Amino acid sequence: MDNFELTKIAGAVLAALLLIFGGKTLIEMRSEGRPVVVGYALPGGEPAAAPETNDKAAAETKDAAAVDGKMAEVAAPADGKADAAAAPAADGGSDIVALLVKANADNGKGAFSKCKSCHVVEKGKASTVGPNLWGVVNRPKGASEGFKYSEALKAKGGEWTFENLSAFLRNPKGYIAGTKMVFAGIKDPAEEADLIAYLATLADTPVPLPK
């Protein structure tokens, strides 16, 4: 054989080997589930997965906003509840009626010693630092003759009922913002009831207590 014939035989053998091994490689790649890429990959690397990154960032932002919203929703009732508990009752003292059933006017006379520096309780006597409290129960607010009341108290209106007296004695400035009364208030409900029971006796016709 000459060189041309040898070259042809060698080429045929090489082509057969490429066909055998190439086919085997394709079969293995398909069986493993890997995609078959035809040709060559161009330089430059893989493209950035911008859409996926943006979607992920958006999802994280949405989750953070949801958490913040939930925290605000939880915090609001807590902050609201605290405010309601701290705020003084505007016209409170509704429990005073039940307390007055067991109140003792004699004990209330002793409790009145806290008030003597500003108030008198004798009929017809001139007011001093505070108004004369004779006949105060069920009297219109700001009605003690000759005493100069604050504008806030005069604007409050209504009468000194048991409930209103109770609310005022518990928290004077909470009940009437701007009142001249500097007393901080009575913290013991039983003492407050005794004092109101005593004030109810200071009248030509004492005001009867609830039974």
N, C-alpha and C. Protein backbone atom coordinates (compact mmCIF):
# COMPACT_ATOMS: atom_id res chain seq x y z
N MET A 1 0.84 -1.20 0.00
CA MET A 1 0.00 0.00 0.00
C MET A 1 0.87 1.25 0.00
N ASP A 2 0.35 2.25 -0.64
CA ASP A 2 1.09 3.52 -0.62
C ASP A 2 0.58 4.38 0.54
N ASN A 3 1.17 5.51 0.71
CA ASN A 3 0.83 6.40 1.84
C ASN A 3 -0.62 6.90 1.80
N PHE A 4 -1.16 7.09 0.64
CA PHE A 4 -2.52 7.58 0.50
C PHE A 4 -3.52 6.59 1.05
N GLU A 5 -3.28 5.30 0.74
CA GLU A 5 -4.18 4.26 1.23
C GLU A 5 -4.10 4.15 2.74
N LEU A 6 -2.89 4.24 3.30
CA LEU A 6 -2.73 4.18 4.74
C LEU A 6 -3.43 5.34 5.43
N THR A 7 -3.34 6.49 4.81
CA THR A 7 -4.00 7.67 5.39
C THR A 7 -5.51 7.48 5.42
N LYS A 8 -6.07 6.94 4.37
CA LYS A 8 -7.50 6.71 4.31
C LYS A 8 -7.95 5.72 5.39
N ILE A 9 -7.15 4.65 5.55
CA ILE A 9 -7.51 3.65 6.57
C ILE A 9 -7.44 4.26 7.97
N ALA A 10 -6.38 5.01 8.21
CA ALA A 10 -6.24 5.64 9.53
C ALA A 10 -7.38 6.61 9.81
N GLY A 11 -7.77 7.36 8.79
CA GLY A 11 -8.89 8.30 8.95
C GLY A 11 -10.19 7.59 9.25
N ALA A 12 -10.40 6.45 8.57
CA ALA A 12 -11.64 5.71 8.81
C ALA A 12 -11.68 5.16 10.23
N VAL A 13 -10.52 4.65 10.70
CA VAL A 13 -10.46 4.11 12.06
C VAL A 13 -10.72 5.21 13.09
N LEU A 14 -10.08 6.39 12.86
CA LEU A 14 -10.27 7.51 13.78
C LEU A 14 -11.73 7.98 13.82
N ALA A 15 -12.36 8.02 12.64
CA ALA A 15 -13.77 8.43 12.59
C ALA A 15 -14.65 7.45 13.33
N ALA A 16 -14.33 6.14 13.20
CA ALA A 16 -15.12 5.12 13.89
C ALA A 16 -14.99 5.26 15.40
N LEU A 17 -13.74 5.52 15.87
CA LEU A 17 -13.52 5.70 17.30
C LEU A 17 -14.26 6.92 17.84
N LEU A 18 -14.20 8.03 17.08
CA LEU A 18 -14.92 9.23 17.50
C LEU A 18 -16.42 8.98 17.59
N LEU A 19 -16.94 8.24 16.63
CA LEU A 19 -18.36 7.95 16.61
C LEU A 19 -18.76 7.10 17.83
N ILE A 20 -17.90 6.10 18.14
CA ILE A 20 -18.22 5.20 19.25
C ILE A 20 -18.18 5.95 20.58
N PHE A 21 -17.02 6.63 20.81
CA PHE A 21 -16.87 7.31 22.10
C PHE A 21 -17.78 8.54 22.22
N GLY A 22 -18.00 9.23 21.10
CA GLY A 22 -18.90 10.38 21.14
C GLY A 22 -20.34 9.99 21.48
N GLY A 23 -20.79 8.89 20.83
CA GLY A 23 -22.14 8.40 21.10
C GLY A 23 -22.30 7.95 22.53
N LYS A 24 -21.26 7.28 23.06
CA LYS A 24 -21.32 6.82 24.44
C LYS A 24 -21.42 8.00 25.40
N THR A 25 -20.65 9.06 25.10
CA THR A 25 -20.68 10.25 25.96
C THR A 25 -22.06 10.91 25.96
N LEU A 26 -22.66 11.01 24.78
CA LEU A 26 -24.00 11.60 24.69
C LEU A 26 -25.02 10.80 25.48
N ILE A 27 -24.90 9.47 25.38
CA ILE A 27 -25.85 8.60 26.10
C ILE A 27 -25.71 8.79 27.61
N GLU A 28 -24.46 8.86 28.10
CA GLU A 28 -24.23 9.03 29.53
C GLU A 28 -24.75 10.37 30.03
N MET A 29 -24.51 11.42 29.26
CA MET A 29 -24.96 12.75 29.66
C MET A 29 -26.48 12.82 29.74
N ARG A 30 -27.15 12.19 28.77
CA ARG A 30 -28.61 12.20 28.80
C ARG A 30 -29.17 11.37 29.95
N SER A 31 -28.51 10.27 30.25
CA SER A 31 -28.97 9.43 31.35
C SER A 31 -28.80 10.13 32.70
N GLU A 32 -27.79 11.00 32.81
CA GLU A 32 -27.57 11.75 34.04
C GLU A 32 -28.40 13.02 34.12
N GLY A 33 -29.13 13.34 33.07
CA GLY A 33 -30.00 14.51 33.10
C GLY A 33 -29.29 15.81 32.81
N ARG A 34 -28.06 15.79 32.37
CA ARG A 34 -27.35 17.03 32.08
C ARG A 34 -27.66 17.49 30.67
N PRO A 35 -27.84 18.77 30.46
CA PRO A 35 -28.14 19.25 29.10
C PRO A 35 -26.95 19.08 28.18
N VAL A 36 -27.24 18.81 26.96
CA VAL A 36 -26.20 18.64 25.95
C VAL A 36 -25.98 19.98 25.27
N VAL A 37 -24.79 20.48 25.37
CA VAL A 37 -24.46 21.76 24.78
C VAL A 37 -23.67 21.52 23.50
N VAL A 38 -24.17 22.04 22.44
CA VAL A 38 -23.52 21.88 21.14
C VAL A 38 -22.69 23.11 20.86
N GLY A 39 -21.47 22.93 20.50
CA GLY A 39 -20.60 24.06 20.18
C GLY A 39 -19.78 24.45 21.39
N TYR A 40 -19.26 25.67 21.37
CA TYR A 40 -18.38 26.17 22.42
C TYR A 40 -19.03 27.36 23.13
N ALA A 41 -18.74 27.45 24.47
CA ALA A 41 -19.26 28.58 25.25
C ALA A 41 -18.40 29.79 24.97
N LEU A 42 -19.04 30.91 24.69
CA LEU A 42 -18.31 32.15 24.42
C LEU A 42 -17.79 32.73 25.72
N PRO A 43 -16.62 33.40 25.69
CA PRO A 43 -16.09 34.01 26.92
C PRO A 43 -17.01 35.12 27.44
N GLY A 44 -16.87 35.42 28.74
CA GLY A 44 -17.68 36.50 29.31
C GLY A 44 -18.45 36.05 30.53
N GLY A 45 -18.48 34.75 30.83
CA GLY A 45 -19.15 34.26 32.04
C GLY A 45 -20.65 34.22 31.90
N GLU A 46 -21.30 33.75 32.93
CA GLU A 46 -22.76 33.63 32.91
C GLU A 46 -23.39 34.98 33.19
N PRO A 47 -24.53 35.26 32.57
CA PRO A 47 -25.21 36.53 32.81
C PRO A 47 -25.71 36.62 34.25
N ALA A 48 -25.71 37.84 34.81
CA ALA A 48 -26.18 38.05 36.19
C ALA A 48 -27.67 37.79 36.29
N ALA A 49 -28.07 37.11 37.37
CA ALA A 49 -29.49 36.79 37.54
C ALA A 49 -30.19 37.97 38.20
N ALA A 50 -30.30 39.09 37.47
CA ALA A 50 -30.88 40.32 38.01
C ALA A 50 -32.33 40.17 38.40
N PRO A 51 -33.16 39.55 37.53
CA PRO A 51 -34.57 39.45 37.91
C PRO A 51 -34.76 38.70 39.22
N GLU A 52 -33.99 37.59 39.41
CA GLU A 52 -34.16 36.80 40.62
C GLU A 52 -33.72 37.60 41.84
N THR A 53 -32.59 38.35 41.69
CA THR A 53 -32.10 39.16 42.80
C THR A 53 -33.12 40.23 43.18
N ASN A 54 -33.68 40.90 42.16
CA ASN A 54 -34.67 41.94 42.42
C ASN A 54 -35.91 41.38 43.10
N ASP A 55 -36.34 40.19 42.63
CA ASP A 55 -37.50 39.57 43.23
C ASP A 55 -37.24 39.22 44.69
N LYS A 56 -36.02 38.73 44.96
CA LYS A 56 -35.68 38.36 46.33
C LYS A 56 -35.65 39.58 47.23
N ALA A 57 -35.05 40.68 46.73
CA ALA A 57 -34.98 41.92 47.51
C ALA A 57 -36.38 42.46 47.79
N ALA A 58 -37.24 42.38 46.76
CA ALA A 58 -38.62 42.87 46.92
C ALA A 58 -39.36 42.05 47.96
N ALA A 59 -39.12 40.72 47.95
CA ALA A 59 -39.78 39.84 48.90
C ALA A 59 -39.33 40.15 50.32
N GLU A 60 -37.99 40.38 50.47
CA GLU A 60 -37.47 40.70 51.80
C GLU A 60 -38.03 42.02 52.30
N THR A 61 -38.14 43.02 51.40
CA THR A 61 -38.70 44.32 51.79
C THR A 61 -40.15 44.18 52.21
N LYS A 62 -40.89 43.36 51.46
CA LYS A 62 -42.29 43.15 51.78
C LYS A 62 -42.45 42.47 53.12
N ASP A 63 -41.57 41.46 53.40
CA ASP A 63 -41.62 40.76 54.69
C ASP A 63 -41.30 41.71 55.83
N ALA A 64 -40.27 42.57 55.60
CA ALA A 64 -39.89 43.52 56.66
C ALA A 64 -41.03 44.49 56.96
N ALA A 65 -41.69 44.95 55.89
CA ALA A 65 -42.81 45.88 56.07
C ALA A 65 -43.95 45.20 56.82
N ALA A 66 -44.16 43.91 56.50
CA ALA A 66 -45.23 43.19 57.19
C ALA A 66 -44.92 43.05 58.67
N VAL A 67 -43.63 42.77 58.99
CA VAL A 67 -43.24 42.65 60.39
C VAL A 67 -43.41 43.97 61.12
N ASP A 68 -42.96 45.08 60.46
CA ASP A 68 -43.10 46.39 61.08
C ASP A 68 -44.57 46.72 61.31
N GLY A 69 -45.40 46.40 60.32
CA GLY A 69 -46.83 46.68 60.46
C GLY A 69 -47.45 45.89 61.60
N LYS A 70 -47.01 44.63 61.73
CA LYS A 70 -47.54 43.79 62.81
C LYS A 70 -47.12 44.33 64.16
N MET A 71 -45.82 44.78 64.25
CA MET A 71 -45.35 45.34 65.50
C MET A 71 -46.13 46.59 65.87
N ALA A 72 -46.40 47.44 64.86
CA ALA A 72 -47.16 48.66 65.12
C ALA A 72 -48.58 48.33 65.56
N GLU A 73 -49.13 47.27 64.94
CA GLU A 73 -50.50 46.87 65.29
C GLU A 73 -50.57 46.36 66.71
N VAL A 74 -49.50 45.62 67.13
CA VAL A 74 -49.48 45.09 68.49
C VAL A 74 -49.21 46.20 69.49
N ALA A 75 -48.30 47.14 69.08
CA ALA A 75 -47.91 48.19 70.02
C ALA A 75 -49.05 49.16 70.28
N ALA A 76 -49.88 49.42 69.26
CA ALA A 76 -50.94 50.42 69.40
C ALA A 76 -51.90 50.10 70.53
N PRO A 77 -52.44 48.82 70.60
CA PRO A 77 -53.34 48.54 71.70
C PRO A 77 -52.66 48.67 73.06
N ALA A 78 -51.33 48.25 73.07
CA ALA A 78 -50.64 48.34 74.34
C ALA A 78 -50.52 49.77 74.80
N ASP A 79 -49.98 50.68 73.81
CA ASP A 79 -49.86 52.09 74.14
C ASP A 79 -51.22 52.67 74.49
N GLY A 80 -52.35 52.31 73.76
CA GLY A 80 -53.69 52.82 74.03
C GLY A 80 -54.21 52.40 75.38
N LYS A 81 -53.94 51.13 75.74
CA LYS A 81 -54.41 50.63 77.03
C LYS A 81 -53.73 51.37 78.16
N ALA A 82 -52.40 51.62 78.03
CA ALA A 82 -51.68 52.35 79.06
C ALA A 82 -52.23 53.74 79.24
N ASP A 83 -52.55 54.43 78.13
CA ASP A 83 -53.11 55.78 78.22
C ASP A 83 -54.45 55.78 78.93
N ALA A 84 -55.30 54.77 78.58
CA ALA A 84 -56.62 54.73 79.20
C ALA A 84 -56.51 54.49 80.70
N ALA A 85 -55.52 53.64 81.11
CA ALA A 85 -55.36 53.36 82.53
C ALA A 85 -54.82 54.56 83.28
N ALA A 86 -53.94 55.36 82.60
CA ALA A 86 -53.32 56.50 83.27
C ALA A 86 -54.25 57.70 83.35
N ALA A 87 -55.22 57.80 82.41
CA ALA A 87 -56.08 58.98 82.35
C ALA A 87 -57.06 58.98 83.52
N PRO A 88 -57.24 60.10 84.17
CA PRO A 88 -58.19 60.16 85.28
C PRO A 88 -59.62 60.13 84.77
N ALA A 89 -60.52 59.62 85.60
CA ALA A 89 -61.92 59.55 85.20
C ALA A 89 -62.51 60.95 85.15
N ALA A 90 -63.18 61.28 84.05
CA ALA A 90 -63.75 62.61 83.88
C ALA A 90 -64.90 62.84 84.85
N ASP A 91 -65.78 61.90 84.99
CA ASP A 91 -66.91 62.02 85.91
C ASP A 91 -67.05 60.73 86.70
N GLY A 92 -65.89 60.25 87.18
CA GLY A 92 -65.87 58.96 87.86
C GLY A 92 -66.54 58.99 89.20
N GLY A 93 -66.18 58.04 90.05
CA GLY A 93 -66.78 57.97 91.36
C GLY A 93 -68.08 57.22 91.38
N SER A 94 -68.37 56.44 90.34
CA SER A 94 -69.63 55.71 90.30
C SER A 94 -69.70 54.66 91.40
N ASP A 95 -68.55 54.24 91.93
CA ASP A 95 -68.54 53.23 92.98
C ASP A 95 -68.82 53.83 94.36
N ILE A 96 -68.89 55.15 94.43
CA ILE A 96 -69.08 55.80 95.73
C ILE A 96 -70.44 55.47 96.35
N VAL A 97 -71.43 55.22 95.52
CA VAL A 97 -72.76 54.90 96.04
C VAL A 97 -72.71 53.64 96.89
N ALA A 98 -72.00 52.62 96.39
CA ALA A 98 -71.87 51.37 97.15
C ALA A 98 -71.03 51.58 98.41
N LEU A 99 -70.02 52.43 98.32
CA LEU A 99 -69.16 52.69 99.48
C LEU A 99 -69.88 53.48 100.56
N LEU A 100 -70.78 54.38 100.14
CA LEU A 100 -71.49 55.21 101.11
C LEU A 100 -72.44 54.41 101.99
N VAL A 101 -72.85 53.26 101.52
CA VAL A 101 -73.74 52.40 102.32
C VAL A 101 -73.06 52.03 103.63
N LYS A 102 -71.74 51.85 103.59
CA LYS A 102 -70.99 51.45 104.79
C LYS A 102 -70.20 52.62 105.39
N ALA A 103 -70.38 53.82 104.87
CA ALA A 103 -69.57 54.96 105.31
C ALA A 103 -69.92 55.39 106.73
N ASN A 104 -68.95 56.02 107.39
CA ASN A 104 -69.12 56.48 108.76
C ASN A 104 -68.83 57.97 108.81
N ALA A 105 -69.86 58.78 109.07
CA ALA A 105 -69.72 60.23 109.07
C ALA A 105 -68.79 60.72 110.18
N ASP A 106 -68.77 60.01 111.32
CA ASP A 106 -67.88 60.41 112.43
C ASP A 106 -66.41 60.26 112.01
N ASN A 107 -66.13 59.16 111.30
CA ASN A 107 -64.77 59.00 110.78
C ASN A 107 -64.46 60.08 109.75
N GLY A 108 -65.48 60.45 108.99
CA GLY A 108 -65.29 61.49 107.98
C GLY A 108 -64.98 62.84 108.60
N LYS A 109 -65.54 63.10 109.79
CA LYS A 109 -65.25 64.36 110.48
C LYS A 109 -63.76 64.43 110.83
N GLY A 110 -63.21 63.28 111.23
CA GLY A 110 -61.78 63.22 111.51
C GLY A 110 -60.96 63.41 110.24
N ALA A 111 -61.42 62.81 109.13
CA ALA A 111 -60.70 62.95 107.86
C ALA A 111 -60.73 64.39 107.37
N PHE A 112 -61.75 65.16 107.79
CA PHE A 112 -61.88 66.54 107.35
C PHE A 112 -60.75 67.43 107.90
N SER A 113 -60.00 66.92 108.86
CA SER A 113 -58.88 67.69 109.41
C SER A 113 -57.87 68.06 108.32
N LYS A 114 -57.82 67.27 107.24
CA LYS A 114 -56.93 67.58 106.12
C LYS A 114 -57.41 68.80 105.34
N CYS A 115 -58.68 69.14 105.50
CA CYS A 115 -59.29 70.20 104.70
C CYS A 115 -59.43 71.52 105.46
N LYS A 116 -59.22 71.48 106.80
CA LYS A 116 -59.50 72.66 107.64
C LYS A 116 -58.62 73.87 107.32
N SER A 117 -57.46 73.62 106.77
CA SER A 117 -56.57 74.75 106.49
C SER A 117 -57.10 75.63 105.36
N CYS A 118 -58.03 75.11 104.57
CA CYS A 118 -58.55 75.88 103.43
C CYS A 118 -60.06 76.08 103.47
N HIS A 119 -60.79 75.23 104.20
CA HIS A 119 -62.25 75.28 104.16
C HIS A 119 -62.86 75.42 105.55
N VAL A 120 -63.98 76.13 105.61
CA VAL A 120 -64.81 76.17 106.82
C VAL A 120 -66.12 75.47 106.50
N VAL A 121 -66.83 75.03 107.56
CA VAL A 121 -68.07 74.29 107.33
C VAL A 121 -69.22 74.84 108.18
N GLU A 122 -69.06 76.06 108.74
CA GLU A 122 -70.12 76.64 109.55
C GLU A 122 -71.06 77.46 108.68
N LYS A 123 -72.35 77.31 108.92
CA LYS A 123 -73.35 78.03 108.13
C LYS A 123 -73.17 79.54 108.28
N GLY A 124 -73.15 80.23 107.14
CA GLY A 124 -73.06 81.68 107.12
C GLY A 124 -71.67 82.24 107.31
N LYS A 125 -70.68 81.40 107.55
CA LYS A 125 -69.33 81.89 107.77
C LYS A 125 -68.67 82.20 106.42
N ALA A 126 -67.86 83.25 106.40
CA ALA A 126 -67.20 83.65 105.16
C ALA A 126 -66.16 82.61 104.72
N SER A 127 -66.07 82.45 103.43
CA SER A 127 -65.08 81.52 102.89
C SER A 127 -63.68 82.04 103.16
N THR A 128 -62.73 81.15 103.18
CA THR A 128 -61.33 81.53 103.41
C THR A 128 -60.51 81.23 102.14
N VAL A 129 -59.53 80.37 102.25
CA VAL A 129 -58.74 80.00 101.05
C VAL A 129 -59.62 79.29 100.04
N GLY A 130 -60.49 78.41 100.54
CA GLY A 130 -61.44 77.70 99.69
C GLY A 130 -62.85 78.07 100.08
N PRO A 131 -63.84 77.63 99.33
CA PRO A 131 -65.24 77.99 99.63
C PRO A 131 -65.75 77.30 100.89
N ASN A 132 -66.74 77.92 101.52
CA ASN A 132 -67.41 77.32 102.66
C ASN A 132 -68.15 76.07 102.17
N LEU A 133 -67.96 74.95 102.86
CA LEU A 133 -68.54 73.68 102.42
C LEU A 133 -69.86 73.34 103.12
N TRP A 134 -70.42 74.29 103.84
CA TRP A 134 -71.76 74.05 104.40
C TRP A 134 -72.77 73.89 103.26
N GLY A 135 -73.50 72.79 103.28
CA GLY A 135 -74.50 72.54 102.25
C GLY A 135 -73.93 72.23 100.88
N VAL A 136 -72.70 71.72 100.84
CA VAL A 136 -72.05 71.50 99.54
C VAL A 136 -72.66 70.35 98.75
N VAL A 137 -73.15 69.30 99.44
CA VAL A 137 -73.68 68.14 98.72
C VAL A 137 -74.95 68.53 97.98
N ASN A 138 -74.97 68.28 96.71
CA ASN A 138 -76.05 68.60 95.76
C ASN A 138 -76.17 70.10 95.47
N ARG A 139 -75.19 70.88 95.92
CA ARG A 139 -75.19 72.30 95.60
C ARG A 139 -74.61 72.51 94.20
N PRO A 140 -75.10 73.50 93.45
CA PRO A 140 -74.50 73.78 92.14
C PRO A 140 -73.02 74.12 92.30
N LYS A 141 -72.20 73.71 91.35
CA LYS A 141 -70.77 74.02 91.41
C LYS A 141 -70.57 75.53 91.32
N GLY A 142 -69.61 76.04 92.11
CA GLY A 142 -69.30 77.46 92.07
C GLY A 142 -70.37 78.34 92.66
N ALA A 143 -71.12 77.84 93.66
CA ALA A 143 -72.27 78.60 94.18
C ALA A 143 -72.09 79.12 95.60
N SER A 144 -70.89 78.98 96.17
CA SER A 144 -70.70 79.52 97.51
C SER A 144 -70.58 81.04 97.42
N GLU A 145 -71.51 81.72 98.07
CA GLU A 145 -71.60 83.18 97.95
C GLU A 145 -70.33 83.87 98.45
N GLY A 146 -69.83 84.78 97.64
CA GLY A 146 -68.68 85.58 98.02
C GLY A 146 -67.34 84.98 97.69
N PHE A 147 -67.31 83.74 97.23
CA PHE A 147 -66.01 83.13 96.91
C PHE A 147 -65.72 83.26 95.41
N LYS A 148 -64.47 83.60 95.08
CA LYS A 148 -64.07 83.77 93.69
C LYS A 148 -63.52 82.44 93.16
N TYR A 149 -64.35 81.77 92.39
CA TYR A 149 -63.97 80.48 91.83
C TYR A 149 -63.12 80.65 90.56
N SER A 150 -62.41 79.60 90.22
CA SER A 150 -61.66 79.61 88.96
C SER A 150 -62.64 79.53 87.79
N GLU A 151 -62.22 80.03 86.66
CA GLU A 151 -63.07 79.97 85.47
C GLU A 151 -63.33 78.52 85.06
N ALA A 152 -62.34 77.66 85.30
CA ALA A 152 -62.49 76.24 84.94
C ALA A 152 -63.61 75.60 85.74
N LEU A 153 -63.67 75.90 87.04
CA LEU A 153 -64.72 75.30 87.87
C LEU A 153 -66.09 75.86 87.51
N LYS A 154 -66.16 77.16 87.27
CA LYS A 154 -67.45 77.76 86.90
C LYS A 154 -67.95 77.20 85.57
N ALA A 155 -67.02 76.90 84.68
CA ALA A 155 -67.42 76.38 83.37
C ALA A 155 -67.82 74.90 83.43
N LYS A 156 -67.43 74.20 84.50
CA LYS A 156 -67.73 72.76 84.61
C LYS A 156 -69.22 72.52 84.67
N GLY A 157 -69.93 73.33 85.44
CA GLY A 157 -71.38 73.18 85.52
C GLY A 157 -71.81 71.95 86.29
N GLY A 158 -73.12 71.83 86.50
CA GLY A 158 -73.66 70.68 87.21
C GLY A 158 -73.65 70.89 88.71
N GLU A 159 -73.98 69.85 89.45
CA GLU A 159 -74.07 69.92 90.90
C GLU A 159 -73.05 68.99 91.55
N TRP A 160 -72.81 69.25 92.83
CA TRP A 160 -71.88 68.41 93.58
C TRP A 160 -72.63 67.18 94.10
N THR A 161 -72.95 66.29 93.19
CA THR A 161 -73.55 65.02 93.58
C THR A 161 -72.51 64.15 94.28
N PHE A 162 -72.96 63.05 94.85
CA PHE A 162 -72.00 62.13 95.47
C PHE A 162 -70.92 61.70 94.46
N GLU A 163 -71.36 61.37 93.25
CA GLU A 163 -70.41 60.90 92.23
C GLU A 163 -69.41 61.98 91.85
N ASN A 164 -69.90 63.21 91.66
CA ASN A 164 -69.01 64.31 91.26
C ASN A 164 -68.05 64.70 92.39
N LEU A 165 -68.55 64.71 93.61
CA LEU A 165 -67.67 64.98 94.74
C LEU A 165 -66.57 63.92 94.83
N SER A 166 -66.95 62.67 94.61
CA SER A 166 -65.99 61.58 94.68
C SER A 166 -64.90 61.75 93.61
N ALA A 167 -65.32 62.05 92.39
CA ALA A 167 -64.34 62.22 91.31
C ALA A 167 -63.40 63.38 91.60
N PHE A 168 -63.94 64.46 92.16
CA PHE A 168 -63.12 65.64 92.46
C PHE A 168 -62.15 65.37 93.61
N LEU A 169 -62.64 64.72 94.65
CA LEU A 169 -61.79 64.46 95.81
C LEU A 169 -60.69 63.46 95.49
N ARG A 170 -60.92 62.57 94.55
CA ARG A 170 -59.90 61.59 94.18
C ARG A 170 -58.78 62.24 93.36
N ASN A 171 -59.17 63.14 92.48
CA ASN A 171 -58.18 63.76 91.59
C ASN A 171 -58.69 65.13 91.17
N PRO A 172 -58.50 66.16 91.99
CA PRO A 172 -59.06 67.48 91.69
C PRO A 172 -58.66 68.02 90.32
N LYS A 173 -57.38 67.99 90.02
CA LYS A 173 -56.94 68.56 88.74
C LYS A 173 -57.29 67.66 87.56
N GLY A 174 -57.48 66.37 87.83
CA GLY A 174 -57.92 65.48 86.77
C GLY A 174 -59.39 65.70 86.43
N TYR A 175 -60.19 66.03 87.45
CA TYR A 175 -61.62 66.25 87.25
C TYR A 175 -61.89 67.63 86.67
N ILE A 176 -61.17 68.64 87.17
CA ILE A 176 -61.33 70.01 86.66
C ILE A 176 -59.93 70.58 86.40
N ALA A 177 -59.50 70.49 85.18
CA ALA A 177 -58.19 71.05 84.82
C ALA A 177 -58.25 72.56 84.96
N GLY A 178 -57.32 73.12 85.74
CA GLY A 178 -57.32 74.56 85.95
C GLY A 178 -57.93 74.97 87.27
N THR A 179 -58.34 74.00 88.10
CA THR A 179 -58.90 74.33 89.41
C THR A 179 -57.83 74.96 90.30
N LYS A 180 -58.27 75.83 91.22
CA LYS A 180 -57.34 76.45 92.17
C LYS A 180 -56.96 75.50 93.30
N MET A 181 -57.71 74.44 93.47
CA MET A 181 -57.47 73.51 94.57
C MET A 181 -56.14 72.80 94.37
N VAL A 182 -55.26 72.87 95.37
CA VAL A 182 -53.93 72.29 95.25
C VAL A 182 -53.84 70.93 95.92
N PHE A 183 -54.91 70.48 96.55
CA PHE A 183 -54.93 69.18 97.22
C PHE A 183 -54.72 68.07 96.19
N ALA A 184 -53.85 67.11 96.54
CA ALA A 184 -53.51 66.04 95.58
C ALA A 184 -54.63 65.03 95.40
N GLY A 185 -55.48 64.88 96.41
CA GLY A 185 -56.57 63.92 96.30
C GLY A 185 -56.50 62.85 97.37
N ILE A 186 -57.62 62.20 97.62
CA ILE A 186 -57.71 61.12 98.61
C ILE A 186 -57.55 59.79 97.89
N LYS A 187 -56.60 59.00 98.33
CA LYS A 187 -56.30 57.73 97.65
C LYS A 187 -57.07 56.55 98.23
N ASP A 188 -57.56 56.68 99.48
CA ASP A 188 -58.28 55.58 100.13
C ASP A 188 -59.79 55.75 99.89
N PRO A 189 -60.40 54.86 99.09
CA PRO A 189 -61.84 55.00 98.80
C PRO A 189 -62.71 55.00 100.05
N ALA A 190 -62.36 54.20 101.05
CA ALA A 190 -63.17 54.15 102.27
C ALA A 190 -63.09 55.49 103.02
N GLU A 191 -61.91 56.08 103.09
CA GLU A 191 -61.75 57.38 103.73
C GLU A 191 -62.54 58.45 102.97
N GLU A 192 -62.48 58.38 101.67
CA GLU A 192 -63.23 59.33 100.83
C GLU A 192 -64.73 59.20 101.09
N ALA A 193 -65.23 57.98 101.19
CA ALA A 193 -66.66 57.77 101.45
C ALA A 193 -67.06 58.33 102.81
N ASP A 194 -66.21 58.13 103.81
CA ASP A 194 -66.49 58.67 105.16
C ASP A 194 -66.55 60.20 105.11
N LEU A 195 -65.61 60.81 104.37
CA LEU A 195 -65.59 62.27 104.28
C LEU A 195 -66.85 62.81 103.61
N ILE A 196 -67.27 62.17 102.53
CA ILE A 196 -68.48 62.61 101.83
C ILE A 196 -69.71 62.41 102.73
N ALA A 197 -69.72 61.32 103.48
CA ALA A 197 -70.83 61.09 104.42
C ALA A 197 -70.89 62.22 105.45
N TYR A 198 -69.74 62.70 105.89
CA TYR A 198 -69.70 63.81 106.83
C TYR A 198 -70.19 65.10 106.17
N LEU A 199 -69.75 65.36 104.94
CA LEU A 199 -70.20 66.56 104.24
C LEU A 199 -71.71 66.55 104.03
N ALA A 200 -72.27 65.35 103.87
CA ALA A 200 -73.72 65.25 103.67
C ALA A 200 -74.50 65.68 104.91
N THR A 201 -73.87 65.65 106.08
CA THR A 201 -74.55 66.08 107.31
C THR A 201 -74.54 67.59 107.47
N LEU A 202 -73.71 68.29 106.69
CA LEU A 202 -73.53 69.73 106.89
C LEU A 202 -74.60 70.50 106.08
N ALA A 203 -75.80 70.46 106.56
CA ALA A 203 -76.91 71.14 105.88
C ALA A 203 -78.08 71.26 106.85
N ASP A 204 -78.96 72.20 106.57
CA ASP A 204 -80.16 72.32 107.40
C ASP A 204 -80.94 71.01 107.37
N THR A 205 -80.98 70.41 106.21
CA THR A 205 -81.58 69.08 106.08
C THR A 205 -80.50 68.16 105.52
N PRO A 206 -79.86 67.35 106.36
CA PRO A 206 -78.79 66.48 105.87
C PRO A 206 -79.25 65.61 104.69
N VAL A 207 -78.32 65.42 103.75
CA VAL A 207 -78.63 64.61 102.57
C VAL A 207 -78.54 63.14 102.95
N PRO A 208 -79.61 62.37 102.72
CA PRO A 208 -79.55 60.95 103.11
C PRO A 208 -78.58 60.17 102.23
N LEU A 209 -77.91 59.22 102.87
CA LEU A 209 -76.95 58.38 102.15
C LEU A 209 -77.69 57.19 101.50
N PRO A 210 -77.11 56.62 100.46
CA PRO A 210 -77.72 55.45 99.83
C PRO A 210 -77.82 54.30 100.82
N LYS A 211 -78.84 53.45 100.65
CA LYS A 211 -79.03 52.29 101.53
C LYS A 211 -79.05 51.02 100.72
